[in-house]
Every structure is written in C-alpha cells, then in structure tokens.
Amino acid sequence: MIKFLDIKAINDSFEPDLSSSIRRVLGSGWYLLGNEVNTFEQEYAGFIGTKHCIGVANGLDALRLIFKAYIEMGEMHEGDEIIVPANTYIASILAISDNRLQPVLVEPDITTYNIDPFQIEEKITERTRGIMIVHLYGQNAMHPEIQRLISKYNLKLIEDNAQASGASFGDKRTGALGHASGNSFYPSKNLGALGDAGAVTTDDDELAAVIRAMANYGSSKKYINDYKGLNSRLDEIQAAVLSSKLPRLDKDNQGRREIAKYYIDNITHPGIILPSLKTDSLAFKTKEHVWHLFVIRHANRNELQKYLSENGIQTMIHYPIPPHKQKAYKEWNNHHYPVCEQIHNEVLSLPISPVLGDEEVMSITRTLNNFEH
C-alpha cells in the first residue's frame, strides 16, 4: 500500500536531530514559555519575514486570537463582517464565528480553488471589517485585486496560512502579506510538529503584544490579567521539534514541486482534471505553491478513490462536505454555492510528500491513467 502520507517516515528522516531536540528539552526541566519557544519564534518570524511570531497551541487558536485581539483593540466589534472563502476547511470560518463576527462566504475560482478575487467587492458592506484569504492546498491566494480592495475600503487582511508555510507572492512569503496570519504546524503540514501547534505572524507591534497576552490567560505579567484571555501556548518540545525541521522546509517544498510537476506532465487520463496554474512558472520556478496537497478532480470521484484503494494507493478527500452544508452552520444549509459544491463533490488528494519515492509516483500515475471511467 502506498500511504497517502507517511508521517513516521517523514519524522524518521530528521533523525537523529529530532530525538536530540526532544532530549534537550527533557533535560532542561523547563517545558513552557522557555528558550525553545523564544528561539523558534525568532526563527519562524525570520523565515516568514515578519517582525513578530507568537507561538500558540494550534492553527485554529492562531486565527481565533487574531480576531479576539482586534475586538479587544476596538478595531472590530460583535456583528462585524469578515469575508472568507466558501471553499475552505471549516476552521477558517469557526475562527470568525467564535468571536461573534459574521462570516460572509465568497465562491472560489474553479481553476485555483482559492477565493475568487473578482467576486469579493460585491459582498463588501458598511459592516465589513476584513478579508480572510486561505492559501488552500499550499497555493498562494493573494491577488492584486484583493490588495486594491483592502486599500480602497480600509480593511484588515488576515491570512489563513495553515497549509502554505514557505509559499510566496512576489518577493514576500505567505504569512507576511496581510496584517496578521494564522499558521498551523499540525503533524501532516509541510512543517509539522509532533502534535498540535500553531503561530501568529504579524508586523503589528500592538496586535502582537495583545495576542501574546491573550494566549496566556490575558496576562503579560504573572497573576496580572489585563484581558479575558485563553490558555493557548506552544510548548517547549513542539518548538524544539519545529526548530529542528525548519531549516529543511524550502528543500522539502521543492521536492513536493518536483512530484507535482511529474504528475502534471504525465497524468493523461481525459477524465481527470489536474491543478490549474496561473502560469507555467507558478509552481516550479517560483514559490507560489508548496503543494501541501495535490488535488485532482473527477466526475466519478468516489469510484476513482475505490479503484485506487483496490490498487494499493491511499487517497484522501479534502473536503467531502463544504462548511455551509455542515450541521454546525445549519442556518446556511439552504444556501447554494455551486462552484464550491462542485469542488467538494469531485476533489481527490493524491499522495505527495518528501518521502514519496520516484517508483511510487510513477506507479500512482500509471494506475490513474489506466482508470476505465
């Protein structure tokens, strides 16, 4: 069986440094808010290109804390609207509604699966305070039209960079394009911890200070609580693990690009829709895509997945049910976003990772091309 993602093999490839990092933390006797977290925050801020990185417990908390801090600062208020892609993992939307802000869904571009920049302006109202872009599957979602709207309407740009660590837009990395960004280091991410972990990146000094305090019970000084905060902290072991992996991230992302290029050049089945790139250079000569996921589409997606499984190839569906059809948002269940719904009915994610071998990639490609539907 070709695994969809062999996380153990990925982590084994970082040995012995990974185990050494963990032993260092164990031997230190200091497990929270210590040198390892400080070091990783500095390293990741330098990698992304922002002044600040605040380590938190997970990617959802990173996004939640951004909005929570903006409300505390008076930049946003309950009931304000945040534009967000309809086609995303539900965490993007949960972060908004959790803060009693109103998510306003916008259809994706069928060719990139990211938010359609040219459908945003019609959704902007006097209550709109921000646009959240999601760099879905690892592909940059930023666009000059979005920057125009941010400037024209004086909005906050929040990035959900959970799937795109290391991607770029022009001369900047994703995670440094907006006013603030939520980053996830869930174990399956391109930069993965050994459990839940996340971070906020920003250039805003005040926002960074408020988020850092709010993530620590609302306290910037022990037992003095300025805000009604949360307990959401990156721990020392996860920080040490991430520091040991970060130096190899660009190389690993390039390896993903090479696998993606092989797939795109060699998958020839007429019924399979491959990822569509804005330019030939987008994925391979520049860094606008880090291929966290390689997502194809097929009208008979479920049959294709069954066929691949029967042929020893594990795949995943990202994601089977769109957020507006989830019970959690039952008030939206009657809403219709046809492009988003088509994507959710047809997408299938193929194996892609730094430890996927050439023979496995060729076998997956051959098997796909032999699908008889």
Protein backbone atom coordinates (compact mmCIF):
# COMPACT_ATOMS: atom_id res chain seq x y z
CA MET A 1 0.00 0.00 0.00
CA ILE A 2 1.27 3.44 -0.92
CA LYS A 3 0.29 5.55 2.06
CA PHE A 4 -1.33 8.91 1.49
CA LEU A 5 1.16 10.44 3.92
CA ASP A 6 3.78 8.52 5.89
CA ILE A 7 4.32 10.87 8.82
CA LYS A 8 6.55 8.40 10.66
CA ALA A 9 8.89 8.15 7.67
CA ILE A 10 8.99 11.94 7.41
CA ASN A 11 9.91 12.27 11.08
CA ASP A 12 12.46 9.44 10.81
CA SER A 13 14.16 11.43 8.05
CA PHE A 14 15.01 14.14 10.60
CA GLU A 15 16.82 11.78 12.92
CA PRO A 16 18.97 11.92 14.97
CA ASP A 17 18.36 15.68 15.33
CA LEU A 18 14.70 15.24 16.20
CA SER A 19 15.31 12.94 19.15
CA SER A 20 18.24 15.07 20.26
CA SER A 21 15.97 18.13 20.34
CA ILE A 22 13.42 16.33 22.49
CA ARG A 23 16.08 15.06 24.89
CA ARG A 24 17.42 18.59 25.19
CA VAL A 25 14.03 19.81 26.37
CA LEU A 26 13.56 16.90 28.74
CA GLY A 27 16.94 17.53 30.25
CA SER A 28 16.33 21.23 30.67
CA GLY A 29 13.49 20.80 33.15
CA TRP A 30 11.65 23.74 31.51
CA TYR A 31 8.60 22.86 29.41
CA LEU A 32 6.58 26.04 28.78
CA LEU A 33 7.44 29.62 27.78
CA GLY A 34 11.16 28.98 27.66
CA ASN A 35 14.16 29.28 25.39
CA GLU A 36 12.95 26.75 22.81
CA VAL A 37 9.76 28.72 22.12
CA ASN A 38 11.67 32.01 22.03
CA THR A 39 14.18 30.55 19.59
CA PHE A 40 11.56 29.08 17.26
CA GLU A 41 9.51 32.28 17.29
CA GLN A 42 12.56 34.25 16.19
CA GLU A 43 13.48 31.67 13.55
CA TYR A 44 10.00 31.42 12.09
CA ALA A 45 9.49 35.19 12.07
CA GLY A 46 12.79 35.46 10.18
CA PHE A 47 11.73 32.72 7.77
CA ILE A 48 8.30 34.25 7.08
CA GLY A 49 9.62 37.82 7.06
CA THR A 50 7.60 39.40 9.88
CA LYS A 51 8.62 41.31 13.00
CA HIS A 52 6.66 39.02 15.29
CA CYS A 53 5.80 35.36 15.69
CA ILE A 54 3.68 34.27 18.66
CA GLY A 55 3.58 30.53 19.26
CA VAL A 56 0.14 29.20 20.20
CA ALA A 57 -1.50 25.83 20.74
CA ASN A 58 -2.81 25.24 17.21
CA GLY A 59 -3.74 26.87 13.93
CA LEU A 60 -7.39 27.47 14.84
CA ASP A 61 -6.34 29.30 18.00
CA ALA A 62 -3.96 31.43 15.95
CA LEU A 63 -6.88 32.68 13.86
CA ARG A 64 -9.23 32.98 16.86
CA LEU A 65 -6.71 35.07 18.73
CA ILE A 66 -6.22 37.47 15.83
CA PHE A 67 -9.92 38.35 15.81
CA LYS A 68 -10.15 38.32 19.60
CA ALA A 69 -7.29 40.81 19.77
CA TYR A 70 -8.79 43.07 17.11
CA ILE A 71 -12.01 43.19 19.11
CA GLU A 72 -10.09 43.98 22.30
CA MET A 73 -8.28 46.78 20.45
CA GLY A 74 -11.56 48.24 19.19
CA GLU A 75 -10.74 47.50 15.54
CA MET A 76 -13.70 45.11 15.26
CA HIS A 77 -16.99 44.70 17.09
CA GLU A 78 -19.55 41.93 17.54
CA GLY A 79 -21.62 41.57 14.38
CA ASP A 80 -18.97 42.98 12.04
CA GLU A 81 -18.48 41.07 8.81
CA ILE A 82 -15.40 39.17 7.63
CA ILE A 83 -15.22 37.95 4.05
CA VAL A 84 -13.95 34.36 3.83
CA PRO A 85 -13.80 31.69 1.11
CA ALA A 86 -16.76 29.32 0.90
CA ASN A 87 -14.26 26.64 -0.15
CA THR A 88 -12.06 26.07 2.88
CA TYR A 89 -11.57 23.86 5.87
CA ILE A 90 -14.16 24.83 8.47
CA ALA A 91 -11.54 26.17 10.90
CA SER A 92 -11.22 29.35 8.83
CA ILE A 93 -14.89 30.08 9.43
CA LEU A 94 -15.00 28.85 13.03
CA ALA A 95 -12.39 31.44 13.99
CA ILE A 96 -14.72 34.21 12.80
CA SER A 97 -18.00 33.00 14.27
CA ASP A 98 -16.31 32.05 17.56
CA ASN A 99 -15.70 35.77 18.06
CA ARG A 100 -19.32 36.66 17.25
CA LEU A 101 -18.28 38.15 13.96
CA GLN A 102 -20.26 37.36 10.82
CA PRO A 103 -18.60 35.21 8.13
CA VAL A 104 -19.54 36.27 4.60
CA LEU A 105 -18.82 33.46 2.16
CA VAL A 106 -17.41 34.06 -1.33
CA GLU A 107 -17.21 31.44 -4.07
CA PRO A 108 -13.83 30.07 -5.20
CA ASP A 109 -12.19 30.35 -8.57
CA ILE A 110 -12.79 26.92 -10.14
CA THR A 111 -9.26 26.90 -11.57
CA THR A 112 -7.33 27.59 -8.34
CA TYR A 113 -9.89 26.56 -5.67
CA ASN A 114 -8.93 29.73 -3.78
CA ILE A 115 -11.28 32.68 -3.21
CA ASP A 116 -12.31 34.39 -6.46
CA PRO A 117 -10.87 37.91 -6.10
CA PHE A 118 -13.41 39.37 -8.50
CA GLN A 119 -16.43 38.22 -6.50
CA ILE A 120 -15.35 39.91 -3.27
CA GLU A 121 -16.28 43.53 -3.83
CA GLU A 122 -19.99 42.82 -4.31
CA LYS A 123 -20.02 41.28 -0.80
CA ILE A 124 -18.46 44.31 0.91
CA THR A 125 -20.88 46.31 3.08
CA GLU A 126 -20.61 49.07 5.69
CA ARG A 127 -20.13 46.30 8.28
CA THR A 128 -17.19 44.64 6.50
CA ARG A 129 -14.00 44.90 8.54
CA GLY A 130 -11.72 42.35 6.97
CA ILE A 131 -10.96 39.77 4.30
CA MET A 132 -9.55 36.39 5.23
CA ILE A 133 -7.68 34.67 2.42
CA VAL A 134 -6.88 30.97 2.70
CA HIS A 135 -3.84 29.66 0.84
CA LEU A 136 -5.65 26.40 0.18
CA TYR A 137 -3.71 23.23 -0.60
CA GLY A 138 -0.49 25.27 -0.38
CA GLN A 139 -1.16 27.74 -3.21
CA ASN A 140 -0.89 31.49 -2.65
CA ALA A 141 -4.34 33.10 -2.68
CA MET A 142 -3.20 36.72 -2.69
CA HIS A 143 -4.05 38.78 -5.78
CA PRO A 144 -3.65 42.45 -6.81
CA GLU A 145 -7.44 42.82 -6.79
CA ILE A 146 -7.54 41.82 -3.12
CA GLN A 147 -4.88 44.40 -2.29
CA ARG A 148 -6.91 47.01 -4.14
CA LEU A 149 -9.97 46.22 -2.05
CA ILE A 150 -8.01 46.23 1.22
CA SER A 151 -6.73 49.71 0.40
CA LYS A 152 -9.98 51.08 -1.04
CA TYR A 153 -12.15 50.04 1.90
CA ASN A 154 -9.50 50.23 4.65
CA LEU A 155 -9.94 46.58 5.62
CA LYS A 156 -7.81 44.16 7.59
CA LEU A 157 -6.23 41.35 5.58
CA ILE A 158 -5.98 38.15 7.59
CA GLU A 159 -4.21 35.13 6.12
CA ASP A 160 -5.01 31.53 6.90
CA ASN A 161 -1.54 30.21 6.16
CA ALA A 162 -2.16 26.78 7.72
CA GLN A 163 -1.39 24.88 4.50
CA ALA A 164 1.20 27.10 2.86
CA SER A 165 4.30 27.56 5.03
CA GLY A 166 7.07 28.57 2.65
CA ALA A 167 4.88 29.74 -0.24
CA SER A 168 5.42 33.19 -1.73
CA PHE A 169 3.65 36.01 -3.54
CA GLY A 170 6.16 38.15 -5.36
CA ASP A 171 9.09 38.83 -3.05
CA LYS A 172 7.15 38.09 0.15
CA ARG A 173 6.18 34.84 1.78
CA THR A 174 2.61 33.99 2.61
CA GLY A 175 2.12 34.69 6.30
CA ALA A 176 3.68 38.13 5.79
CA LEU A 177 1.28 39.53 3.18
CA GLY A 178 -1.52 40.76 5.40
CA HIS A 179 -1.98 42.48 8.74
CA ALA A 180 -1.83 39.12 10.55
CA SER A 181 -1.65 35.45 9.72
CA GLY A 182 -2.57 32.18 11.39
CA ASN A 183 -0.11 29.33 10.87
CA SER A 184 -0.61 25.64 11.69
CA PHE A 185 2.03 23.03 12.45
CA TYR A 186 -0.31 20.05 12.70
CA PRO A 187 1.75 16.87 12.12
CA SER A 188 0.63 16.46 8.49
CA LYS A 189 1.58 20.01 7.47
CA ASN A 190 4.69 20.77 5.39
CA LEU A 191 6.26 21.98 8.64
CA GLY A 192 4.75 19.58 11.14
CA ALA A 193 5.09 19.23 14.89
CA LEU A 194 4.53 16.00 16.84
CA GLY A 195 1.10 17.20 17.93
CA ASP A 196 -0.99 20.34 17.77
CA ALA A 197 0.95 23.59 17.36
CA GLY A 198 0.45 26.95 15.70
CA ALA A 199 1.61 30.56 15.49
CA VAL A 200 0.50 34.07 14.63
CA THR A 201 2.80 36.13 12.41
CA THR A 202 2.43 39.91 12.11
CA ASP A 203 4.31 43.18 11.80
CA ASP A 204 1.86 44.98 14.10
CA ASP A 205 3.55 45.62 17.47
CA GLU A 206 0.33 46.31 19.38
CA LEU A 207 -1.50 43.36 17.91
CA ALA A 208 1.41 41.05 18.72
CA ALA A 209 1.52 42.22 22.33
CA VAL A 210 -2.22 41.77 22.82
CA ILE A 211 -2.21 38.29 21.22
CA ARG A 212 0.77 37.19 23.32
CA ALA A 213 -1.03 38.26 26.49
CA MET A 214 -4.40 36.85 25.45
CA ALA A 215 -2.86 33.46 24.66
CA ASN A 216 -1.51 33.37 28.22
CA TYR A 217 -4.73 33.84 30.21
CA GLY A 218 -4.80 37.52 29.19
CA SER A 219 -1.63 38.13 31.16
CA SER A 220 1.64 39.76 30.22
CA LYS A 221 2.84 39.68 33.83
CA LYS A 222 2.27 36.69 36.10
CA TYR A 223 -1.01 36.86 38.05
CA ILE A 224 -1.92 40.20 36.48
CA ASN A 225 -4.66 39.74 33.90
CA ASP A 226 -5.39 42.59 31.52
CA TYR A 227 -7.74 40.66 29.23
CA LYS A 228 -10.25 37.82 29.37
CA GLY A 229 -7.78 35.53 27.67
CA LEU A 230 -7.23 31.91 26.74
CA ASN A 231 -4.69 29.23 27.54
CA SER A 232 -3.13 28.67 24.12
CA ARG A 233 0.63 28.24 24.21
CA LEU A 234 3.20 26.49 22.07
CA ASP A 235 5.13 24.13 24.34
CA GLU A 236 8.89 23.71 24.50
CA ILE A 237 9.02 20.22 22.98
CA GLN A 238 6.97 21.19 19.92
CA ALA A 239 9.04 24.34 19.48
CA ALA A 240 12.25 22.32 19.58
CA VAL A 241 10.86 19.85 17.04
CA LEU A 242 9.85 22.68 14.72
CA SER A 243 13.25 24.36 15.03
CA SER A 244 14.92 21.11 14.00
CA LYS A 245 12.71 20.83 10.90
CA LEU A 246 12.54 24.46 9.73
CA PRO A 247 15.97 24.61 8.01
CA ARG A 248 14.89 21.89 5.57
CA LEU A 249 11.46 23.32 4.73
CA ASP A 250 12.39 25.06 1.48
CA LYS A 251 14.18 21.95 0.22
CA ASP A 252 11.25 19.71 1.14
CA ASN A 253 8.81 22.08 -0.55
CA GLN A 254 10.92 21.97 -3.71
CA GLY A 255 10.73 18.19 -3.59
CA ARG A 256 6.95 18.47 -3.49
CA ARG A 257 7.08 20.76 -6.55
CA GLU A 258 9.04 18.15 -8.46
CA ILE A 259 6.47 15.45 -7.66
CA ALA A 260 3.67 17.81 -8.67
CA LYS A 261 5.44 18.57 -11.95
CA TYR A 262 5.73 14.86 -12.73
CA TYR A 263 2.04 14.33 -12.02
CA ILE A 264 1.02 17.28 -14.20
CA ASP A 265 3.31 16.26 -17.05
CA ASN A 266 2.36 12.57 -17.01
CA ILE A 267 -1.23 12.12 -15.82
CA THR A 268 -3.07 11.97 -19.14
CA HIS A 269 -6.44 10.43 -18.27
CA PRO A 270 -9.03 12.55 -20.11
CA GLY A 271 -11.50 12.49 -17.20
CA ILE A 272 -9.02 13.74 -14.60
CA ILE A 273 -8.82 17.49 -14.06
CA LEU A 274 -5.36 18.47 -12.87
CA PRO A 275 -4.45 21.52 -10.78
CA SER A 276 -4.53 24.64 -12.92
CA LEU A 277 -1.63 27.05 -12.62
CA LYS A 278 -1.79 30.75 -13.43
CA THR A 279 1.49 30.49 -15.34
CA ASP A 280 3.80 27.66 -16.20
CA SER A 281 6.36 29.06 -13.79
CA LEU A 282 3.97 29.44 -10.86
CA ALA A 283 4.61 26.11 -9.22
CA PHE A 284 8.05 25.18 -10.40
CA LYS A 285 10.25 28.23 -10.98
CA THR A 286 8.72 30.44 -8.30
CA LYS A 287 7.43 29.52 -4.87
CA GLU A 288 3.75 30.45 -5.13
CA HIS A 289 2.72 26.84 -4.45
CA VAL A 290 4.21 24.49 -1.86
CA TRP A 291 1.88 21.60 -2.73
CA HIS A 292 0.71 20.73 0.74
CA LEU A 293 -1.89 18.73 -1.18
CA PHE A 294 -2.01 17.60 -4.80
CA VAL A 295 -5.70 17.72 -5.63
CA ILE A 296 -7.28 16.34 -8.78
CA ARG A 297 -10.94 16.31 -9.79
CA HIS A 298 -13.06 13.64 -11.42
CA ALA A 299 -16.81 13.43 -12.02
CA ASN A 300 -16.79 9.89 -10.56
CA ARG A 301 -14.52 10.74 -7.65
CA ASN A 302 -15.81 8.01 -5.33
CA GLU A 303 -15.33 5.31 -7.97
CA LEU A 304 -11.84 6.59 -8.67
CA GLN A 305 -10.94 6.54 -4.98
CA LYS A 306 -12.25 2.97 -4.64
CA TYR A 307 -10.27 1.89 -7.72
CA LEU A 308 -7.05 3.43 -6.39
CA SER A 309 -7.56 1.77 -2.99
CA GLU A 310 -8.07 -1.59 -4.66
CA ASN A 311 -4.77 -0.99 -6.43
CA GLY A 312 -2.89 -0.22 -3.24
CA ILE A 313 -2.96 3.59 -3.34
CA GLN A 314 -4.34 5.52 -0.39
CA THR A 315 -6.02 8.86 -1.13
CA MET A 316 -7.98 11.44 0.86
CA ILE A 317 -10.85 13.84 0.19
CA HIS A 318 -10.20 17.48 1.17
CA TYR A 319 -13.05 18.03 1.90
CA PRO A 320 -16.22 15.93 1.43
CA ILE A 321 -18.76 18.41 2.90
CA PRO A 322 -18.47 22.20 2.43
CA PRO A 323 -18.81 24.36 5.56
CA HIS A 324 -22.20 25.76 4.53
CA LYS A 325 -23.63 22.24 4.41
CA GLN A 326 -22.36 21.24 7.84
CA LYS A 327 -24.77 20.86 10.77
CA ALA A 328 -22.60 23.33 12.70
CA TYR A 329 -23.82 26.05 10.33
CA LYS A 330 -27.36 24.77 9.84
CA GLU A 331 -28.54 28.34 9.24
CA TRP A 332 -26.65 28.16 5.92
CA ASN A 333 -27.73 24.66 4.85
CA ASN A 334 -30.20 26.02 2.29
CA HIS A 335 -27.64 28.37 0.76
CA HIS A 336 -26.20 27.42 -2.60
CA TYR A 337 -22.60 27.92 -3.68
CA PRO A 338 -22.46 25.86 -6.89
CA VAL A 339 -18.73 26.18 -7.61
CA CYS A 340 -17.81 25.28 -4.04
CA GLU A 341 -20.23 22.34 -4.05
CA GLN A 342 -18.87 21.03 -7.35
CA ILE A 343 -15.34 21.12 -5.96
CA HIS A 344 -16.34 19.24 -2.82
CA ASN A 345 -18.10 16.58 -4.91
CA GLU A 346 -15.16 15.99 -7.25
CA VAL A 347 -11.83 16.54 -5.44
CA LEU A 348 -9.40 13.79 -4.55
CA SER A 349 -5.96 14.27 -2.99
CA LEU A 350 -3.09 12.11 -4.22
CA PRO A 351 -0.03 11.14 -2.16
CA ILE A 352 2.67 13.81 -2.13
CA SER A 353 5.44 14.22 0.43
CA PRO A 354 9.23 14.50 0.79
CA VAL A 355 9.49 10.74 1.40
CA LEU A 356 7.39 9.60 -1.58
CA GLY A 357 9.71 7.69 -3.90
CA ASP A 358 10.04 8.03 -7.66
CA GLU A 359 8.74 4.49 -8.25
CA GLU A 360 5.69 5.23 -6.12
CA VAL A 361 4.98 8.43 -8.04
CA MET A 362 5.26 6.59 -11.36
CA SER A 363 3.04 3.76 -10.10
CA ILE A 364 0.35 6.21 -8.98
CA THR A 365 0.48 7.93 -12.36
CA ARG A 366 0.25 4.69 -14.33
CA THR A 367 -2.65 3.47 -12.22
CA LEU A 368 -4.55 6.72 -12.71
CA ASN A 369 -4.05 6.63 -16.48
CA ASN A 370 -5.48 3.08 -16.55
CA PHE A 371 -8.73 4.04 -14.81
CA GLU A 372 -11.56 2.91 -17.13
CA HIS A 373 -14.18 5.56 -16.42
